[in-house]
Amino acid sequence: MADLPHNLCFHAIDGSVISSLHHLAESLEWMSDDTYYYHVNEHKNDFANWVEHVHSNAALASDIRRRDSRLGAAVAVYRHLLGCK
């Protein structure tokens, strides 16, 4: 899976740049809780929005929104990448 052009990448509050779904899964594993909860709260989920609108994957975005932690979100992305249901 190819990396996205810089202008379509996810730019996290900590300065990291996420360029693919695989990179998103890895980043979710290791990012700080402060970074994660800056982008995810009761009003928004920036990671899910990016997946839905940039990657055109509403099903994965919905799965990410249902998860209640960054590791849960990482599992959702990894399951998608592995083709698990």
C-alpha atoms as a PDB file:
ATOM      1  CA  MET A   1       0.000   0.000   0.000  1.00  0.00           C
ATOM      2  CA  ALA A   2       1.566   3.251  -1.140  1.00  0.00           C
ATOM      3  CA  ASP A   3       2.045   6.259   1.078  1.00  0.00           C
ATOM      4  CA  LEU A   4      -0.185   9.249   0.440  1.00  0.00           C
ATOM      5  CA  PRO A   5       1.004  12.619  -0.860  1.00  0.00           C
ATOM      6  CA  HIS A   6       2.000  14.901   2.031  1.00  0.00           C
ATOM      7  CA  ASN A   7      -1.098  17.085   1.704  1.00  0.00           C
ATOM      8  CA  LEU A   8      -3.372  14.071   2.297  1.00  0.00           C
ATOM      9  CA  CYS A   9      -1.410  12.659   5.231  1.00  0.00           C
ATOM     10  CA  PHE A  10      -2.708  12.836   8.780  1.00  0.00           C
ATOM     11  CA  HIS A  11      -0.819  15.490  10.733  1.00  0.00           C
ATOM     12  CA  ALA A  12      -0.982  14.738  14.450  1.00  0.00           C
ATOM     13  CA  ILE A  13      -0.710  17.378  17.162  1.00  0.00           C
ATOM     14  CA  ASP A  14       2.673  15.963  18.245  1.00  0.00           C
ATOM     15  CA  GLY A  15       4.125  16.704  14.806  1.00  0.00           C
ATOM     16  CA  SER A  16       4.048  13.155  13.490  1.00  0.00           C
ATOM     17  CA  VAL A  17       2.805  12.592   9.957  1.00  0.00           C
ATOM     18  CA  ILE A  18       0.830   9.439   9.134  1.00  0.00           C
ATOM     19  CA  SER A  19       0.940   8.465   5.480  1.00  0.00           C
ATOM     20  CA  SER A  20      -0.859   5.102   5.239  1.00  0.00           C
ATOM     21  CA  LEU A  21      -3.230   2.799   7.087  1.00  0.00           C
ATOM     22  CA  HIS A  22      -0.319   0.594   8.135  1.00  0.00           C
ATOM     23  CA  HIS A  23       1.468   3.638   9.526  1.00  0.00           C
ATOM     24  CA  LEU A  24      -1.761   4.636  11.309  1.00  0.00           C
ATOM     25  CA  ALA A  25      -1.957   1.259  13.052  1.00  0.00           C
ATOM     26  CA  GLU A  26       1.682   1.479  14.132  1.00  0.00           C
ATOM     27  CA  SER A  27       1.274   5.079  15.263  1.00  0.00           C
ATOM     28  CA  LEU A  28      -1.799   4.264  17.337  1.00  0.00           C
ATOM     29  CA  GLU A  29       0.218   1.623  19.168  1.00  0.00           C
ATOM     30  CA  TRP A  30       2.972   4.003  20.203  1.00  0.00           C
ATOM     31  CA  MET A  31       1.543   7.522  20.381  1.00  0.00           C
ATOM     32  CA  SER A  32       0.991   9.105  23.763  1.00  0.00           C
ATOM     33  CA  ASP A  33      -2.459   9.108  25.286  1.00  0.00           C
ATOM     34  CA  ASP A  34      -2.306  12.920  25.226  1.00  0.00           C
ATOM     35  CA  THR A  35      -1.880  12.887  21.455  1.00  0.00           C
ATOM     36  CA  TYR A  36      -4.599  10.274  20.969  1.00  0.00           C
ATOM     37  CA  TYR A  37      -7.137  12.072  23.138  1.00  0.00           C
ATOM     38  CA  TYR A  38      -6.408  15.395  21.463  1.00  0.00           C
ATOM     39  CA  HIS A  39      -7.717  13.812  18.257  1.00  0.00           C
ATOM     40  CA  VAL A  40     -10.405  11.596  19.810  1.00  0.00           C
ATOM     41  CA  ASN A  41     -13.056  12.689  22.287  1.00  0.00           C
ATOM     42  CA  GLU A  42     -16.825  12.612  22.712  1.00  0.00           C
ATOM     43  CA  HIS A  43     -17.202  15.192  19.917  1.00  0.00           C
ATOM     44  CA  LYS A  44     -14.791  13.941  17.262  1.00  0.00           C
ATOM     45  CA  ASN A  45     -12.541  11.170  16.029  1.00  0.00           C
ATOM     46  CA  ASP A  46     -10.002  12.684  13.663  1.00  0.00           C
ATOM     47  CA  PHE A  47      -8.460   9.293  12.822  1.00  0.00           C
ATOM     48  CA  ALA A  48     -11.807   7.819  11.792  1.00  0.00           C
ATOM     49  CA  ASN A  49     -12.641  10.955   9.794  1.00  0.00           C
ATOM     50  CA  TRP A  50      -9.304  10.685   7.952  1.00  0.00           C
ATOM     51  CA  VAL A  51      -9.911   7.011   7.170  1.00  0.00           C
ATOM     52  CA  GLU A  52     -13.436   7.753   5.958  1.00  0.00           C
ATOM     53  CA  HIS A  53     -12.692  10.808   3.839  1.00  0.00           C
ATOM     54  CA  VAL A  54      -9.128  10.285   2.609  1.00  0.00           C
ATOM     55  CA  HIS A  55      -9.151   6.494   2.311  1.00  0.00           C
ATOM     56  CA  SER A  56     -12.868   6.316   1.385  1.00  0.00           C
ATOM     57  CA  ASN A  57     -13.438   3.524   3.887  1.00  0.00           C
ATOM     58  CA  ALA A  58     -16.599   4.150   5.881  1.00  0.00           C
ATOM     59  CA  ALA A  59     -16.690   0.614   7.318  1.00  0.00           C
ATOM     60  CA  LEU A  60     -13.222   0.863   8.855  1.00  0.00           C
ATOM     61  CA  ALA A  61     -13.948   4.392  10.073  1.00  0.00           C
ATOM     62  CA  SER A  62     -17.075   3.122  11.818  1.00  0.00           C
ATOM     63  CA  ASP A  63     -15.090   0.308  13.437  1.00  0.00           C
ATOM     64  CA  ILE A  64     -12.476   2.790  14.675  1.00  0.00           C
ATOM     65  CA  ARG A  65     -15.219   5.008  16.137  1.00  0.00           C
ATOM     66  CA  ARG A  66     -16.601   2.052  18.109  1.00  0.00           C
ATOM     67  CA  ARG A  67     -13.256   1.442  19.831  1.00  0.00           C
ATOM     68  CA  ASP A  68     -12.678   3.056  23.212  1.00  0.00           C
ATOM     69  CA  SER A  69      -8.879   3.196  23.206  1.00  0.00           C
ATOM     70  CA  ARG A  70      -5.953   3.849  20.894  1.00  0.00           C
ATOM     71  CA  LEU A  71      -4.924   0.179  21.104  1.00  0.00           C
ATOM     72  CA  GLY A  72      -8.457  -0.872  20.230  1.00  0.00           C
ATOM     73  CA  ALA A  73      -8.350   1.457  17.237  1.00  0.00           C
ATOM     74  CA  ALA A  74      -4.975  -0.015  16.236  1.00  0.00           C
ATOM     75  CA  VAL A  75      -6.474  -3.522  16.378  1.00  0.00           C
ATOM     76  CA  ALA A  76      -9.333  -2.388  14.121  1.00  0.00           C
ATOM     77  CA  VAL A  77      -6.881  -1.078  11.529  1.00  0.00           C
ATOM     78  CA  TYR A  78      -4.654  -4.167  11.708  1.00  0.00           C
ATOM     79  CA  ARG A  79      -7.697  -6.448  11.338  1.00  0.00           C
ATOM     80  CA  HIS A  80      -8.714  -4.493   8.252  1.00  0.00           C
ATOM     81  CA  LEU A  81      -5.213  -4.735   6.777  1.00  0.00           C
ATOM     82  CA  LEU A  82      -5.160  -8.496   7.395  1.00  0.00           C
ATOM     83  CA  GLY A  83      -8.612  -8.940   5.889  1.00  0.00           C
ATOM     84  CA  CYS A  84     -10.224 -10.091   9.141  1.00  0.00           C
ATOM     85  CA  LYS A  85     -13.896  -9.484   9.795  1.00  0.00           C
END
